[in-house]
N, C-alpha and C. Protein backbone atom coordinates (compact mmCIF):
# COMPACT_ATOMS: atom_id res chain seq x y z
N MET A 1 27.24 3.00 -56.27
CA MET A 1 28.35 3.15 -56.02
C MET A 1 28.25 5.06 -55.82
N LEU A 2 28.66 5.51 -54.58
CA LEU A 2 29.97 6.38 -54.64
C LEU A 2 29.82 7.40 -55.42
N PRO A 3 30.22 8.35 -56.00
CA PRO A 3 31.15 9.18 -56.44
C PRO A 3 32.24 9.71 -55.37
N GLU A 4 33.38 9.51 -56.93
CA GLU A 4 35.40 9.98 -55.08
C GLU A 4 34.94 10.97 -54.55
N GLU A 5 34.58 11.84 -55.56
CA GLU A 5 34.68 13.25 -54.65
C GLU A 5 33.64 13.21 -53.14
N ILE A 6 32.96 12.59 -52.84
CA ILE A 6 31.76 12.43 -52.20
C ILE A 6 32.10 11.50 -50.82
N ILE A 7 33.03 10.55 -51.08
CA ILE A 7 33.91 9.07 -50.28
C ILE A 7 34.95 10.49 -50.10
N THR A 8 35.60 11.84 -51.13
CA THR A 8 36.64 11.83 -50.04
C THR A 8 36.08 12.63 -48.95
N LEU A 9 35.14 13.76 -49.48
CA LEU A 9 34.44 14.55 -47.84
C LEU A 9 34.09 13.45 -46.89
N ILE A 10 34.14 12.33 -46.64
CA ILE A 10 33.52 11.02 -45.67
C ILE A 10 34.63 11.32 -44.85
N ASP A 11 35.86 10.48 -46.10
CA ASP A 11 36.97 10.58 -45.94
C ASP A 11 37.76 11.87 -44.37
N ASN A 12 37.85 12.79 -45.02
CA ASN A 12 38.16 14.64 -45.10
C ASN A 12 36.83 14.98 -43.47
N GLY A 13 36.28 14.48 -43.04
CA GLY A 13 35.27 14.24 -41.63
C GLY A 13 34.45 15.26 -42.17
N LYS A 14 34.30 15.27 -43.33
CA LYS A 14 33.09 16.37 -43.90
C LYS A 14 32.31 15.38 -43.94
N PRO A 15 31.13 15.56 -42.91
CA PRO A 15 29.61 14.97 -43.24
C PRO A 15 28.58 15.95 -44.37
N GLN A 16 28.51 16.96 -43.59
CA GLN A 16 27.91 17.95 -43.62
C GLN A 16 27.90 17.96 -45.85
N GLU A 17 28.94 18.80 -46.02
CA GLU A 17 29.05 18.26 -47.45
C GLU A 17 29.07 17.49 -48.21
N ALA A 18 28.43 16.07 -47.40
CA ALA A 18 28.77 14.74 -48.13
C ALA A 18 27.08 14.69 -48.20
N ILE A 19 26.76 14.46 -47.71
CA ILE A 19 24.65 14.70 -47.12
C ILE A 19 24.02 16.02 -48.13
N GLU A 20 24.51 17.99 -49.12
CA GLU A 20 24.34 18.07 -49.69
C GLU A 20 24.42 17.48 -51.05
N LYS A 21 25.61 16.82 -51.02
CA LYS A 21 26.38 16.30 -52.92
C LYS A 21 25.25 15.35 -52.90
N LEU A 22 25.13 14.69 -51.86
CA LEU A 22 24.39 13.77 -52.37
C LEU A 22 22.78 14.15 -52.99
N ARG A 23 22.58 14.94 -51.51
CA ARG A 23 20.68 15.52 -51.87
C ARG A 23 20.95 15.50 -53.38
N LYS A 24 21.62 16.58 -53.90
CA LYS A 24 21.83 16.97 -55.69
C LYS A 24 21.50 15.30 -56.28
N LEU A 25 22.29 14.48 -55.65
CA LEU A 25 22.60 13.58 -56.72
C LEU A 25 21.28 12.84 -56.57
N VAL A 26 20.30 13.09 -55.60
CA VAL A 26 19.68 12.38 -55.43
C VAL A 26 18.06 12.70 -56.20
N THR A 27 18.67 14.64 -56.55
CA THR A 27 17.31 15.00 -57.12
C THR A 27 17.41 15.06 -58.88
N LYS A 28 18.82 14.51 -59.24
CA LYS A 28 18.62 13.75 -61.18
C LYS A 28 18.53 12.31 -60.39
N ASN A 29 18.87 11.45 -59.27
CA ASN A 29 18.21 9.94 -60.11
C ASN A 29 17.59 9.75 -58.78
N PRO A 30 16.15 9.94 -58.31
CA PRO A 30 15.45 9.71 -57.81
C PRO A 30 15.46 7.65 -57.31
N HIS A 31 15.52 7.14 -58.28
CA HIS A 31 15.39 6.25 -57.98
C HIS A 31 16.57 5.21 -57.49
N ASP A 32 17.77 5.74 -57.36
CA ASP A 32 19.21 5.32 -56.85
C ASP A 32 18.67 4.88 -55.46
N ASP A 33 18.57 3.74 -54.99
CA ASP A 33 18.95 4.31 -53.40
C ASP A 33 20.02 3.44 -53.13
N ASN A 34 21.65 3.69 -53.37
CA ASN A 34 22.42 3.95 -52.57
C ASN A 34 22.90 5.28 -52.02
N PHE A 35 22.44 6.13 -52.78
CA PHE A 35 22.73 7.31 -52.86
C PHE A 35 21.83 7.87 -51.72
N TYR A 36 20.15 7.33 -51.47
CA TYR A 36 19.92 7.04 -50.50
C TYR A 36 20.08 6.32 -48.92
N TYR A 37 20.86 5.41 -48.98
CA TYR A 37 21.92 4.87 -48.31
C TYR A 37 22.57 5.08 -47.64
N ALA A 38 23.45 6.02 -48.15
CA ALA A 38 24.77 6.31 -48.04
C ALA A 38 24.45 8.15 -47.08
N MET A 39 23.06 8.54 -47.79
CA MET A 39 22.88 9.31 -46.44
C MET A 39 22.18 9.84 -45.71
N GLY A 40 21.65 7.95 -45.05
CA GLY A 40 21.34 8.01 -44.22
C GLY A 40 22.30 7.59 -43.52
N ARG A 41 23.25 6.67 -43.64
CA ARG A 41 24.22 6.07 -42.69
C ARG A 41 25.48 7.09 -42.14
N LEU A 42 24.92 8.73 -42.47
CA LEU A 42 25.80 9.77 -42.99
C LEU A 42 25.09 10.69 -41.87
N TYR A 43 23.41 10.73 -41.75
CA TYR A 43 23.31 11.39 -40.93
C TYR A 43 23.08 11.09 -39.47
N TRP A 44 22.70 8.80 -39.36
CA TRP A 44 23.79 8.85 -38.63
C TRP A 44 24.43 8.64 -37.73
N GLN A 45 25.39 8.68 -38.71
CA GLN A 45 26.34 9.55 -37.10
C GLN A 45 27.03 10.67 -36.71
N LEU A 46 25.45 12.06 -37.75
CA LEU A 46 25.22 12.88 -37.16
C LEU A 46 24.34 13.36 -36.28
N GLY A 47 23.94 11.95 -35.67
CA GLY A 47 23.24 12.55 -35.15
C GLY A 47 21.26 12.44 -35.25
N ASP A 48 21.63 12.41 -36.00
CA ASP A 48 19.88 12.96 -36.93
C ASP A 48 19.41 11.38 -36.94
N HIS A 49 19.13 10.74 -36.12
CA HIS A 49 18.60 9.36 -35.92
C HIS A 49 17.44 8.93 -36.82
N SER A 50 16.33 10.53 -36.49
CA SER A 50 15.25 10.34 -37.91
C SER A 50 15.60 10.19 -39.74
N GLU A 51 16.13 11.57 -39.49
CA GLU A 51 16.45 11.70 -40.81
C GLU A 51 16.72 10.41 -41.57
N ALA A 52 17.54 9.80 -41.43
CA ALA A 52 18.47 8.81 -41.08
C ALA A 52 17.79 7.22 -41.67
N VAL A 53 16.29 7.23 -40.75
CA VAL A 53 15.84 6.28 -40.90
C VAL A 53 14.69 6.18 -42.16
N ASN A 54 13.84 8.11 -42.10
CA ASN A 54 13.62 7.99 -43.19
C ASN A 54 14.33 8.12 -44.90
N CYS A 55 15.91 8.26 -44.70
CA CYS A 55 16.53 7.37 -45.61
C CYS A 55 16.46 6.17 -46.83
N TYR A 56 16.68 5.95 -44.43
CA TYR A 56 16.59 4.48 -44.70
C TYR A 56 15.39 3.15 -45.44
N ARG A 57 14.57 3.94 -44.74
CA ARG A 57 13.02 3.96 -45.64
C ARG A 57 12.51 4.02 -47.15
N ARG A 58 13.19 5.59 -47.75
CA ARG A 58 13.54 5.47 -49.22
C ARG A 58 13.83 4.53 -50.04
N ALA A 59 14.88 4.03 -49.27
CA ALA A 59 16.16 3.71 -49.89
C ALA A 59 15.21 1.47 -50.33
N VAL A 60 14.81 1.52 -48.96
CA VAL A 60 13.75 -0.06 -48.93
C VAL A 60 12.94 -0.05 -50.31
N GLU A 61 12.44 1.35 -49.74
CA GLU A 61 11.10 1.91 -50.89
C GLU A 61 11.64 0.79 -52.26
N ILE A 62 12.33 1.52 -53.07
CA ILE A 62 13.30 1.16 -54.41
C ILE A 62 13.86 0.24 -54.55
N ASN A 63 14.65 0.05 -53.12
CA ASN A 63 15.61 -1.67 -53.88
C ASN A 63 15.12 -2.29 -51.87
N PRO A 64 14.05 -3.64 -52.16
CA PRO A 64 13.79 -3.99 -51.18
C PRO A 64 15.46 -4.98 -50.83
N ASP A 65 16.80 -5.04 -51.72
CA ASP A 65 17.18 -5.95 -50.79
C ASP A 65 18.23 -4.89 -50.56
N SER A 66 18.30 -3.64 -51.00
CA SER A 66 19.45 -2.59 -50.73
C SER A 66 19.80 -3.05 -48.89
N PRO A 67 21.07 -2.66 -48.83
CA PRO A 67 21.34 -3.04 -47.76
C PRO A 67 20.77 -2.23 -46.71
N ALA A 68 20.70 -0.87 -47.09
CA ALA A 68 19.09 -0.05 -46.21
C ALA A 68 18.26 -1.09 -45.17
N ARG A 69 17.73 -2.14 -45.18
CA ARG A 69 17.30 -2.67 -45.01
C ARG A 69 17.22 -2.95 -43.48
N HIS A 70 19.03 -3.30 -43.57
CA HIS A 70 20.03 -4.14 -42.41
C HIS A 70 20.07 -2.57 -41.91
N ALA A 71 19.90 -1.85 -42.44
CA ALA A 71 19.94 -0.58 -41.31
C ALA A 71 19.56 0.12 -40.79
N LEU A 72 17.43 -0.36 -41.37
CA LEU A 72 16.81 0.22 -40.57
C LEU A 72 16.66 -0.95 -40.10
N GLU A 73 16.65 -1.63 -40.03
CA GLU A 73 16.32 -3.34 -38.68
C GLU A 73 17.26 -2.33 -37.84
N LEU A 74 18.59 -2.68 -37.83
CA LEU A 74 19.65 -2.25 -36.33
C LEU A 74 19.26 -0.38 -35.86
N ALA A 75 18.21 0.06 -36.82
CA ALA A 75 18.01 1.18 -35.73
C ALA A 75 16.78 0.51 -34.74
N ASN A 76 16.06 0.18 -36.04
CA ASN A 76 14.57 -0.43 -34.33
C ASN A 76 14.82 -0.97 -33.87
N ASP A 77 16.10 -1.71 -33.16
CA ASP A 77 16.34 -2.07 -32.47
C ASP A 77 17.48 -1.46 -31.38
N VAL A 78 17.59 -0.66 -31.60
CA VAL A 78 18.15 0.54 -31.41
C VAL A 78 17.05 0.99 -29.75
N PHE A 79 16.01 2.18 -31.54
CA PHE A 79 14.58 2.97 -30.59
C PHE A 79 14.08 1.40 -29.60
N ASP A 80 14.12 0.55 -30.05
CA ASP A 80 13.21 -0.33 -29.18
C ASP A 80 13.56 -1.11 -28.14
N PHE A 81 15.15 -0.17 -27.48
CA PHE A 81 16.07 -1.13 -26.87
C PHE A 81 15.06 -0.49 -25.19
N PHE A 82 14.77 -1.44 -24.40
CA PHE A 82 14.44 -0.47 -23.18
C PHE A 82 15.04 -1.67 -21.57
N ASN A 83 16.04 -0.47 -20.74
CA ASN A 83 16.86 -1.40 -19.94
C ASN A 83 16.05 -0.68 -18.87
N PRO A 84 14.73 -1.63 -17.76
CA PRO A 84 14.89 -1.18 -16.52
C PRO A 84 14.91 -0.50 -15.51
N ASP A 85 16.86 -1.07 -15.75
CA ASP A 85 17.77 -0.18 -14.69
C ASP A 85 17.96 0.46 -14.73
N LEU A 86 17.59 1.72 -15.87
CA LEU A 86 18.10 2.58 -16.75
C LEU A 86 17.12 3.33 -15.22
N LEU A 87 16.53 3.04 -15.36
CA LEU A 87 15.22 3.90 -15.30
C LEU A 87 14.83 3.91 -13.47
N ASN A 88 15.91 2.84 -12.71
CA ASN A 88 15.58 3.08 -11.91
C ASN A 88 17.54 3.01 -11.17
N PRO A 89 18.17 4.03 -11.03
CA PRO A 89 18.77 4.46 -10.67
C PRO A 89 19.92 3.92 -9.04
């Protein structure tokens, strides 16, 4: 579960500040998959998809049943999407 302070930052549209707080929490609690999952979601929202995937993967390494598993699958679906019509306008 995320601390209230981080939830407040997210709710107030301050994802970068929330990420900084999460990084500190990850340093103190490196085996808590929830922090990595939350950080991944924030990175995805910010458009940093590669960093989001890294966070999701780390969360799944820690806890194979983490909700990050589903997020990682969805991210891979996005990356694997191919639309030939977009290549031939």
